[in-house]
Amino acid sequence: MSQSKREQVVSHLRYVRQELREMHQGVLEDGLLPEGGEIRGVMAQMEALLELLEGKTAKKHKPD
């Protein structure tokens, strides 16, 4: 994996980890579940990371 790609992966992982920590903190402290938009945002970041790692466009999932 090239250094540039590795840096992008690390950056994506840090972002996703921070977002998940914030969601978890909200659940623990306030007992509130994250909003759907927040979850979709993190999922989009995870999909972008997967695409970056695979080097191709991942299949889009249809909403249920």
N, C-alpha and C. Protein backbone atom coordinates (compact mmCIF):
# COMPACT_ATOMS: atom_id res chain seq x y z
N MET A 1 0.86 -1.17 0.00
CA MET A 1 0.00 0.00 0.00
C MET A 1 0.91 1.24 0.00
N SER A 2 0.61 2.19 -0.87
CA SER A 2 1.43 3.39 -0.94
C SER A 2 1.26 4.22 0.32
N GLN A 3 2.26 5.06 0.57
CA GLN A 3 2.24 5.90 1.77
C GLN A 3 1.03 6.84 1.76
N SER A 4 0.72 7.41 0.59
CA SER A 4 -0.42 8.32 0.48
C SER A 4 -1.72 7.61 0.80
N LYS A 5 -1.89 6.42 0.26
CA LYS A 5 -3.11 5.65 0.52
C LYS A 5 -3.18 5.27 1.99
N ARG A 6 -2.06 4.90 2.57
CA ARG A 6 -2.00 4.55 3.99
C ARG A 6 -2.43 5.74 4.84
N GLU A 7 -1.98 6.93 4.50
CA GLU A 7 -2.35 8.14 5.25
C GLU A 7 -3.84 8.42 5.13
N GLN A 8 -4.41 8.18 3.96
CA GLN A 8 -5.85 8.37 3.78
C GLN A 8 -6.63 7.38 4.63
N VAL A 9 -6.18 6.15 4.67
CA VAL A 9 -6.85 5.12 5.48
C VAL A 9 -6.79 5.49 6.95
N VAL A 10 -5.62 5.92 7.41
CA VAL A 10 -5.46 6.31 8.81
C VAL A 10 -6.37 7.48 9.14
N SER A 11 -6.46 8.44 8.25
CA SER A 11 -7.31 9.61 8.47
C SER A 11 -8.78 9.20 8.56
N HIS A 12 -9.23 8.35 7.65
CA HIS A 12 -10.61 7.86 7.69
C HIS A 12 -10.89 7.11 8.98
N LEU A 13 -9.98 6.25 9.37
CA LEU A 13 -10.18 5.47 10.59
C LEU A 13 -10.26 6.36 11.83
N ARG A 14 -9.42 7.38 11.88
CA ARG A 14 -9.45 8.30 13.03
C ARG A 14 -10.79 9.03 13.09
N TYR A 15 -11.28 9.47 11.93
CA TYR A 15 -12.56 10.16 11.89
C TYR A 15 -13.69 9.25 12.35
N VAL A 16 -13.74 8.06 11.80
CA VAL A 16 -14.80 7.10 12.16
C VAL A 16 -14.73 6.76 13.64
N ARG A 17 -13.53 6.52 14.14
CA ARG A 17 -13.36 6.20 15.56
C ARG A 17 -13.86 7.34 16.45
N GLN A 18 -13.54 8.58 16.08
CA GLN A 18 -13.98 9.73 16.88
C GLN A 18 -15.51 9.86 16.86
N GLU A 19 -16.09 9.69 15.69
CA GLU A 19 -17.54 9.77 15.59
C GLU A 19 -18.21 8.69 16.44
N LEU A 20 -17.69 7.47 16.38
CA LEU A 20 -18.27 6.38 17.17
C LEU A 20 -18.09 6.62 18.67
N ARG A 21 -16.96 7.18 19.05
CA ARG A 21 -16.75 7.52 20.47
C ARG A 21 -17.78 8.53 20.95
N GLU A 22 -18.04 9.55 20.13
CA GLU A 22 -19.02 10.56 20.50
C GLU A 22 -20.42 9.96 20.63
N MET A 23 -20.78 9.09 19.70
CA MET A 23 -22.08 8.42 19.78
C MET A 23 -22.17 7.57 21.04
N HIS A 24 -21.13 6.82 21.32
CA HIS A 24 -21.11 5.96 22.50
C HIS A 24 -21.22 6.79 23.77
N GLN A 25 -20.51 7.90 23.82
CA GLN A 25 -20.55 8.78 24.98
C GLN A 25 -21.97 9.30 25.21
N GLY A 26 -22.64 9.67 24.14
CA GLY A 26 -24.02 10.14 24.26
C GLY A 26 -24.95 9.07 24.79
N VAL A 27 -24.74 7.84 24.36
CA VAL A 27 -25.57 6.73 24.84
C VAL A 27 -25.31 6.50 26.33
N LEU A 28 -24.05 6.50 26.73
CA LEU A 28 -23.71 6.24 28.13
C LEU A 28 -24.17 7.36 29.06
N GLU A 29 -23.90 8.60 28.67
CA GLU A 29 -24.18 9.72 29.57
C GLU A 29 -25.66 10.11 29.58
N ASP A 30 -26.26 10.17 28.41
CA ASP A 30 -27.62 10.70 28.31
C ASP A 30 -28.66 9.63 28.02
N GLY A 31 -28.22 8.44 27.64
CA GLY A 31 -29.16 7.40 27.27
C GLY A 31 -29.85 7.68 25.95
N LEU A 32 -29.27 8.58 25.15
CA LEU A 32 -29.86 8.94 23.87
C LEU A 32 -29.20 8.19 22.73
N LEU A 33 -30.02 7.66 21.84
CA LEU A 33 -29.48 7.01 20.66
C LEU A 33 -29.11 8.08 19.63
N PRO A 34 -28.08 7.82 18.83
CA PRO A 34 -27.70 8.80 17.81
C PRO A 34 -28.80 8.94 16.76
N GLU A 35 -28.82 10.10 16.12
CA GLU A 35 -29.80 10.34 15.06
C GLU A 35 -29.42 9.54 13.83
N GLY A 36 -30.41 9.25 13.02
CA GLY A 36 -30.17 8.46 11.81
C GLY A 36 -29.13 9.08 10.90
N GLY A 37 -29.15 10.41 10.79
CA GLY A 37 -28.19 11.10 9.93
C GLY A 37 -26.75 10.90 10.39
N GLU A 38 -26.56 10.87 11.70
CA GLU A 38 -25.22 10.64 12.24
C GLU A 38 -24.72 9.25 11.87
N ILE A 39 -25.60 8.28 12.01
CA ILE A 39 -25.23 6.90 11.70
C ILE A 39 -24.95 6.76 10.21
N ARG A 40 -25.80 7.36 9.38
CA ARG A 40 -25.57 7.30 7.93
C ARG A 40 -24.25 7.95 7.55
N GLY A 41 -23.89 9.04 8.24
CA GLY A 41 -22.62 9.71 7.97
C GLY A 41 -21.43 8.83 8.26
N VAL A 42 -21.47 8.14 9.39
CA VAL A 42 -20.37 7.24 9.75
C VAL A 42 -20.33 6.05 8.79
N MET A 43 -21.49 5.55 8.41
CA MET A 43 -21.52 4.45 7.46
C MET A 43 -20.95 4.88 6.11
N ALA A 44 -21.23 6.11 5.70
CA ALA A 44 -20.67 6.62 4.44
C ALA A 44 -19.16 6.70 4.52
N GLN A 45 -18.65 7.12 5.66
CA GLN A 45 -17.19 7.16 5.85
C GLN A 45 -16.59 5.77 5.80
N MET A 46 -17.27 4.80 6.39
CA MET A 46 -16.77 3.43 6.36
C MET A 46 -16.80 2.88 4.93
N GLU A 47 -17.84 3.22 4.15
CA GLU A 47 -17.90 2.80 2.76
C GLU A 47 -16.79 3.43 1.95
N ALA A 48 -16.49 4.71 2.22
CA ALA A 48 -15.40 5.39 1.52
C ALA A 48 -14.08 4.72 1.85
N LEU A 49 -13.91 4.32 3.08
CA LEU A 49 -12.69 3.62 3.48
C LEU A 49 -12.58 2.28 2.77
N LEU A 50 -13.67 1.56 2.70
CA LEU A 50 -13.68 0.28 2.00
C LEU A 50 -13.32 0.46 0.53
N GLU A 51 -13.91 1.48 -0.10
CA GLU A 51 -13.59 1.76 -1.50
C GLU A 51 -12.12 2.08 -1.67
N LEU A 52 -11.58 2.85 -0.75
CA LEU A 52 -10.17 3.21 -0.82
C LEU A 52 -9.28 1.98 -0.70
N LEU A 53 -9.65 1.10 0.21
CA LEU A 53 -8.85 -0.11 0.42
C LEU A 53 -8.97 -1.07 -0.76
N GLU A 54 -10.18 -1.18 -1.33
CA GLU A 54 -10.38 -2.10 -2.44
C GLU A 54 -9.90 -1.51 -3.75
N GLY A 55 -9.81 -0.19 -3.82
CA GLY A 55 -9.37 0.45 -5.04
C GLY A 55 -10.41 0.46 -6.13
N LYS A 56 -11.66 0.28 -5.75
CA LYS A 56 -12.75 0.32 -6.72
C LYS A 56 -14.01 0.79 -6.02
N THR A 57 -15.03 1.05 -6.77
CA THR A 57 -16.29 1.52 -6.21
C THR A 57 -17.05 0.35 -5.63
N ALA A 58 -17.45 0.48 -4.38
CA ALA A 58 -18.25 -0.56 -3.72
C ALA A 58 -19.68 -0.49 -4.23
N LYS A 59 -20.39 -1.59 -4.18
CA LYS A 59 -21.78 -1.63 -4.61
C LYS A 59 -22.63 -0.79 -3.66
N LYS A 60 -23.56 -0.07 -4.22
CA LYS A 60 -24.48 0.73 -3.43
C LYS A 60 -25.61 -0.15 -2.95
N HIS A 61 -25.98 0.00 -1.67
CA HIS A 61 -27.08 -0.77 -1.10
C HIS A 61 -28.36 0.04 -1.22
N LYS A 62 -29.44 -0.65 -1.59
CA LYS A 62 -30.74 0.00 -1.65
C LYS A 62 -31.32 0.07 -0.24
N PRO A 63 -31.93 1.19 0.12
CA PRO A 63 -32.59 1.26 1.43
C PRO A 63 -33.76 0.29 1.48
N ASP A 64 -34.03 -0.23 2.66
CA ASP A 64 -35.14 -1.18 2.85
C ASP A 64 -36.47 -0.50 2.80
